[in-house]
Structures are given as C-alpha cells and as structure tokens.
Amino acid sequence: MEVCANSVTSVMAAERGGAVRVELCDNLPEGGTTPSYAQIKLAKQHTDIQIYPIIRPRGGDFLYSDLEFELMKEDIKMCGSLNCDGVVTGILNADGSIDKERCAILIALAKPMGVTFHRAFDMCNNMEKALEEIIDLGFERILTSGGASSALLGADKIKSLIEQAAGRIRIMPGAGVREENIRQLIRMTGAVEFHSSAKGPVASRMEFRNAALNMGAAVDEFSYDLTSDQAVKNLIEMANKAYDQ
C-alpha cells in the first residue's frame, strides 16, 4: 500500500497505518505538486517509511517549458541530497507521447533513487506503446487509473496493462481506491500494489471565521484533509482478506 500524503502529518499517519511507501505531494486538489524542502526533510527525519516526493512543478498538463524542466531537475537533486528513496514524475510531448529524452535525463539524475511514472500515463495517446517505452527507460512502476476517472472504471485496462507488463514493471492502480472497492479492484485487476490518499477532513479549530470571503478555490476554508491511519489500516486489512480468499 502506497499512500498519497499531503504533509509530514499525513506521512506519519501512513506509517502508523502500515503503508510501505508514500508519494509526498503538495496541492492534492491539483493532482499533486512538488512538496517543499522542509516537508521532505522533516518527513525523512520523523519516519522510516519510504519517501517518494512527486516532481511536478505545477498543476495542469504534463508538457513542460525549458524553465519548468530545470525546476524538475533541481528538485530531483534536492530529493537526492535528503536521501529520499525515490521520486515520482512523468513528462509528455505535445502529441501525447512519452517525452523519452527528458524522462531519461530525470532517471539518470535520480540514481540511485527509484522512479515511478505517475498519472501522466493516463493522459498519453497510446498506453500500450507508452508502457513499453516506460519499461525501456527504466522506471520501476506506473501509477495509473487505466485512463479512466477512477481505477475502478479503468480496471479492465489496468488488468490488460498488467498482463502486457508480464512482471517487467509494477502497475499500481490509483484514483478512488477506497476500503469499499479495494477487494473488487484486486479481483478485477490482479494488482499487488495500490495507491490511495486514505484521507479525510479535519475541522478547523478557528473560533473567529470571516464568512465573507475565501482565500482560494477551497469550498470550505475551515477544514483540511489529512491521511487517516485507521483508513490505511482498513485498506490493508481489506486487501489482505481478498488475497487470502
């Protein structure tokens, strides 16, 4: 079980819940962007779980300018200096194909860290071809919803990708993975690694609240999401039951 953690607090909860790895992100409502130096440093200091920060300079698409690519390279160097276990990234060309040249540069820069190709894969123009290219590049796993809005809706495609991969790379379903559907996902896909935020809302302790405005796109300024260690435990328990049957 990999948890998509949005803070050091969430990383600690993921570890308590029994996850083996976190994808450490900022800005989850935008699909995740690179976390700060301090978040990564403190996550490494306070936990023993595997830390894989996402290397994504902004939300939106996965077609990056030269300057954005330089940012990605510097962030990978930072992760290496903090002894991260790996990074999560992905770059596409304008036509929806994998940007093999830039991806190869990032993988070389990341060594000896592991590298996961994230859900940019779900936005590519040919998943079967992209899978072979990602394997050839040397990524260790692909995070995917099967090109659908959720892993459950993309389960048939995920199963097909796992069969095509034939053990050469790990295919990890993510997007909408929850306690109530993980057993079904296991049966439908045959996957052995899963990705979930396992998060829930935390109410603000603010007593004074200015209801006349909000500070951004958030619907509710007075709550925020954190990973729940109990949700992680429940996910793992449900998954283990499915494998035992």
Protein backbone atom coordinates (compact mmCIF):
# COMPACT_ATOMS: atom_id res chain seq x y z
CA MET A 1 0.00 0.00 0.00
CA GLU A 2 1.32 3.39 -1.08
CA VAL A 3 -0.31 6.47 0.40
CA CYS A 4 -0.53 9.82 -1.34
CA ALA A 5 0.44 12.04 1.60
CA ASN A 6 -0.05 15.80 1.60
CA SER A 7 2.08 16.68 4.64
CA VAL A 8 4.50 15.37 7.24
CA THR A 9 1.50 14.71 9.47
CA SER A 10 -0.04 12.55 6.75
CA VAL A 11 3.26 10.69 6.23
CA MET A 12 3.32 9.83 9.92
CA ALA A 13 -0.28 8.62 9.76
CA ALA A 14 0.52 6.49 6.71
CA GLU A 15 3.39 4.86 8.58
CA ARG A 16 1.23 4.16 11.64
CA GLY A 17 -1.37 2.62 9.36
CA GLY A 18 1.12 0.18 7.87
CA ALA A 19 1.78 1.65 4.42
CA VAL A 20 5.16 0.78 2.91
CA ARG A 21 5.64 3.99 0.93
CA VAL A 22 4.27 7.49 0.48
CA GLU A 23 4.06 9.69 -2.55
CA LEU A 24 4.66 13.03 -0.83
CA CYS A 25 2.78 15.86 -2.55
CA ASP A 26 1.56 19.38 -2.09
CA ASN A 27 -1.68 20.67 -3.66
CA LEU A 28 -3.61 17.41 -3.94
CA PRO A 29 -6.69 19.17 -5.42
CA GLU A 30 -4.47 19.93 -8.46
CA GLY A 31 -3.30 16.33 -8.69
CA GLY A 32 -0.19 16.96 -6.61
CA THR A 33 2.82 19.25 -6.99
CA THR A 34 6.35 19.09 -5.60
CA PRO A 35 6.43 19.50 -1.81
CA SER A 36 8.74 21.92 -0.05
CA TYR A 37 12.26 21.17 1.10
CA ALA A 38 11.08 21.33 4.72
CA GLN A 39 8.24 18.85 4.18
CA ILE A 40 10.61 16.32 2.63
CA LYS A 41 13.35 16.88 5.21
CA LEU A 42 11.04 16.51 8.20
CA ALA A 43 9.25 13.52 6.69
CA LYS A 44 12.62 11.78 6.45
CA GLN A 45 13.56 12.83 9.98
CA HIS A 46 10.35 11.74 11.67
CA THR A 47 9.55 8.49 9.85
CA ASP A 48 11.17 5.35 8.47
CA ILE A 49 8.65 4.83 5.66
CA GLN A 50 9.83 5.07 2.04
CA ILE A 51 9.51 8.67 0.82
CA TYR A 52 8.85 9.33 -2.88
CA PRO A 53 8.20 13.06 -3.48
CA ILE A 54 6.34 13.96 -6.64
CA ILE A 55 8.40 16.01 -9.09
CA ARG A 56 5.77 18.18 -10.74
CA PRO A 57 6.35 21.94 -10.89
CA ARG A 58 2.69 22.90 -11.37
CA GLY A 59 -0.80 21.58 -11.89
CA GLY A 60 -2.36 21.23 -15.30
CA ASP A 61 -0.88 19.28 -18.18
CA PHE A 62 2.43 17.39 -18.38
CA LEU A 63 4.03 19.40 -21.20
CA TYR A 64 6.76 21.48 -19.60
CA SER A 65 8.78 24.50 -20.66
CA ASP A 66 12.57 24.54 -20.52
CA LEU A 67 12.43 26.50 -17.28
CA GLU A 68 9.98 24.06 -15.72
CA PHE A 69 12.24 21.18 -16.74
CA GLU A 70 15.15 22.91 -14.99
CA LEU A 71 13.00 23.16 -11.86
CA MET A 72 12.28 19.43 -12.04
CA LYS A 73 15.98 18.63 -12.30
CA GLU A 74 16.83 20.82 -9.31
CA ASP A 75 14.03 19.24 -7.25
CA ILE A 76 15.36 15.76 -8.02
CA LYS A 77 18.82 16.87 -6.85
CA MET A 78 17.21 18.16 -3.65
CA CYS A 79 15.48 14.81 -3.08
CA GLY A 80 18.79 13.03 -3.56
CA SER A 81 20.50 15.31 -1.05
CA LEU A 82 17.78 14.45 1.50
CA ASN A 83 18.24 10.69 0.96
CA CYS A 84 14.78 10.10 -0.43
CA ASP A 85 14.01 6.56 -1.52
CA GLY A 86 12.64 7.63 -4.87
CA VAL A 87 10.72 10.22 -6.85
CA VAL A 88 7.50 10.24 -8.86
CA THR A 89 7.39 12.06 -12.18
CA GLY A 90 6.45 11.98 -15.86
CA ILE A 91 6.66 14.18 -18.95
CA LEU A 92 4.66 14.09 -22.19
CA ASN A 93 5.17 15.58 -25.62
CA ALA A 94 2.52 17.83 -27.14
CA ASP A 95 1.13 14.92 -29.18
CA GLY A 96 0.51 12.86 -26.04
CA SER A 97 3.52 10.58 -26.44
CA ILE A 98 6.11 9.97 -23.72
CA ASP A 99 8.92 12.53 -23.72
CA LYS A 100 11.61 9.85 -23.66
CA GLU A 101 14.55 12.25 -23.91
CA ARG A 102 13.63 14.32 -20.89
CA CYS A 103 12.44 11.31 -18.87
CA ALA A 104 15.79 9.61 -19.46
CA ILE A 105 17.60 12.68 -18.12
CA LEU A 106 15.47 12.70 -14.95
CA ILE A 107 16.00 8.97 -14.34
CA ALA A 108 19.78 9.35 -14.72
CA LEU A 109 19.75 12.32 -12.36
CA ALA A 110 17.69 10.42 -9.78
CA LYS A 111 20.01 7.40 -9.48
CA PRO A 112 20.28 5.51 -7.19
CA MET A 113 16.74 6.52 -6.19
CA GLY A 114 13.80 4.64 -7.65
CA VAL A 115 11.49 6.42 -10.10
CA THR A 116 7.73 5.96 -10.54
CA PHE A 117 5.92 7.23 -13.65
CA HIS A 118 2.79 8.98 -12.39
CA ARG A 119 -0.64 9.51 -13.92
CA ALA A 120 0.69 11.49 -16.84
CA PHE A 121 0.50 7.94 -18.20
CA ASP A 122 -3.31 8.24 -18.14
CA MET A 123 -3.08 11.25 -20.44
CA CYS A 124 -0.87 9.64 -23.08
CA ASN A 125 -2.11 8.86 -26.60
CA ASN A 126 -1.28 5.14 -26.65
CA MET A 127 -1.00 3.29 -23.35
CA GLU A 128 0.34 0.05 -24.77
CA LYS A 129 3.16 1.79 -26.63
CA ALA A 130 3.85 4.08 -23.66
CA LEU A 131 4.11 1.08 -21.35
CA GLU A 132 6.91 -0.42 -23.45
CA GLU A 133 8.74 2.91 -23.61
CA ILE A 134 8.48 3.44 -19.85
CA ILE A 135 9.84 -0.05 -19.25
CA ASP A 136 12.75 0.60 -21.62
CA LEU A 137 13.50 3.89 -19.86
CA GLY A 138 13.96 2.09 -16.53
CA PHE A 139 11.02 3.27 -14.42
CA GLU A 140 10.18 0.83 -11.63
CA ARG A 141 6.41 1.28 -11.58
CA ILE A 142 3.50 3.10 -13.22
CA LEU A 143 0.68 4.74 -11.26
CA THR A 144 -2.49 4.55 -13.34
CA SER A 145 -6.27 4.62 -13.29
CA GLY A 146 -6.31 2.83 -16.64
CA GLY A 147 -7.01 6.11 -18.38
CA ALA A 148 -10.37 6.48 -16.62
CA SER A 149 -11.61 8.86 -13.95
CA SER A 150 -11.12 6.15 -11.32
CA ALA A 151 -9.20 2.90 -11.03
CA LEU A 152 -12.47 1.00 -10.71
CA LEU A 153 -13.74 2.36 -14.02
CA GLY A 154 -10.37 1.63 -15.62
CA ALA A 155 -9.99 -1.83 -14.06
CA ASP A 156 -10.21 -3.76 -17.33
CA LYS A 157 -7.47 -1.64 -18.89
CA ILE A 158 -5.32 -1.98 -15.77
CA LYS A 159 -5.65 -5.76 -15.96
CA SER A 160 -4.61 -5.65 -19.62
CA LEU A 161 -1.59 -3.49 -18.80
CA ILE A 162 -0.51 -5.86 -16.02
CA GLU A 163 -0.73 -8.77 -18.45
CA GLN A 164 1.29 -6.85 -21.06
CA ALA A 165 3.91 -5.85 -18.48
CA ALA A 166 4.39 -9.52 -17.52
CA GLY A 167 6.39 -8.66 -14.42
CA ARG A 168 8.79 -6.27 -16.16
CA ILE A 169 7.39 -3.28 -14.26
CA ARG A 170 4.87 -2.86 -11.47
CA ILE A 171 1.46 -1.47 -12.41
CA MET A 172 -0.10 0.31 -9.42
CA PRO A 173 -3.80 1.24 -9.56
CA GLY A 174 -4.68 4.63 -8.11
CA ALA A 175 -7.57 7.16 -8.15
CA GLY A 176 -10.58 6.49 -5.98
CA VAL A 177 -9.08 3.45 -4.24
CA ARG A 178 -11.04 3.03 -1.02
CA GLU A 179 -11.92 0.44 1.60
CA GLU A 180 -15.20 -0.39 -0.09
CA ASN A 181 -13.69 -1.17 -3.50
CA ILE A 182 -10.14 -2.46 -2.99
CA ARG A 183 -11.21 -6.11 -2.83
CA GLN A 184 -13.12 -5.70 -6.08
CA LEU A 185 -10.10 -4.00 -7.67
CA ILE A 186 -7.85 -6.88 -6.64
CA ARG A 187 -10.24 -9.41 -8.17
CA MET A 188 -10.65 -7.40 -11.38
CA THR A 189 -7.02 -6.42 -11.99
CA GLY A 190 -4.75 -8.87 -10.20
CA ALA A 191 -2.65 -5.93 -8.99
CA VAL A 192 -0.47 -6.32 -5.90
CA GLU A 193 0.38 -2.65 -5.26
CA PHE A 194 -2.22 0.05 -4.68
CA HIS A 195 -2.20 3.82 -4.22
CA SER A 196 -4.67 5.75 -2.05
CA SER A 197 -4.77 9.08 -0.24
CA ALA A 198 -6.75 7.43 2.60
CA LYS A 199 -7.59 10.95 3.67
CA GLY A 200 -10.46 12.59 5.48
CA PRO A 201 -11.46 16.12 6.52
CA VAL A 202 -10.16 17.74 9.68
CA ALA A 203 -12.23 20.57 11.14
CA SER A 204 -10.53 23.89 11.81
CA ARG A 205 -10.12 24.97 15.43
CA MET A 206 -10.58 28.62 14.50
CA GLU A 207 -13.17 30.39 16.65
CA PHE A 208 -13.42 33.57 14.59
CA ARG A 209 -14.47 32.93 11.00
CA ASN A 210 -14.86 35.55 8.28
CA ALA A 211 -17.59 34.08 6.09
CA ALA A 212 -17.44 36.97 3.58
CA LEU A 213 -14.52 35.57 1.57
CA ASN A 214 -12.27 32.63 0.93
CA MET A 215 -8.56 32.59 0.26
CA GLY A 216 -8.56 30.47 -2.87
CA ALA A 217 -10.51 27.78 -4.67
CA ALA A 218 -11.34 25.86 -1.49
CA VAL A 219 -15.06 25.44 -0.88
CA ASP A 220 -14.52 25.36 2.89
CA GLU A 221 -11.77 27.48 4.40
CA PHE A 222 -12.32 25.88 7.78
CA SER A 223 -11.40 22.30 7.13
CA TYR A 224 -8.49 20.49 5.51
CA ASP A 225 -7.63 16.92 4.58
CA LEU A 226 -5.14 14.60 6.25
CA THR A 227 -4.34 10.93 5.83
CA SER A 228 -6.11 8.73 8.38
CA ASP A 229 -4.00 5.95 9.89
CA GLN A 230 -7.20 3.97 10.51
CA ALA A 231 -8.21 4.30 6.86
CA VAL A 232 -4.79 2.95 5.84
CA LYS A 233 -5.15 0.04 8.26
CA ASN A 234 -8.62 -0.72 6.92
CA LEU A 235 -7.41 -0.67 3.31
CA ILE A 236 -4.59 -3.09 4.08
CA GLU A 237 -6.91 -5.36 6.06
CA MET A 238 -9.45 -5.48 3.25
CA ALA A 239 -6.73 -6.14 0.68
CA ASN A 240 -5.24 -8.97 2.73
CA LYS A 241 -8.64 -10.60 3.05
CA ALA A 242 -9.04 -10.51 -0.71
CA TYR A 243 -5.65 -12.19 -1.24
CA ASP A 244 -6.43 -14.83 1.41
CA GLN A 245 -9.64 -15.91 -0.32
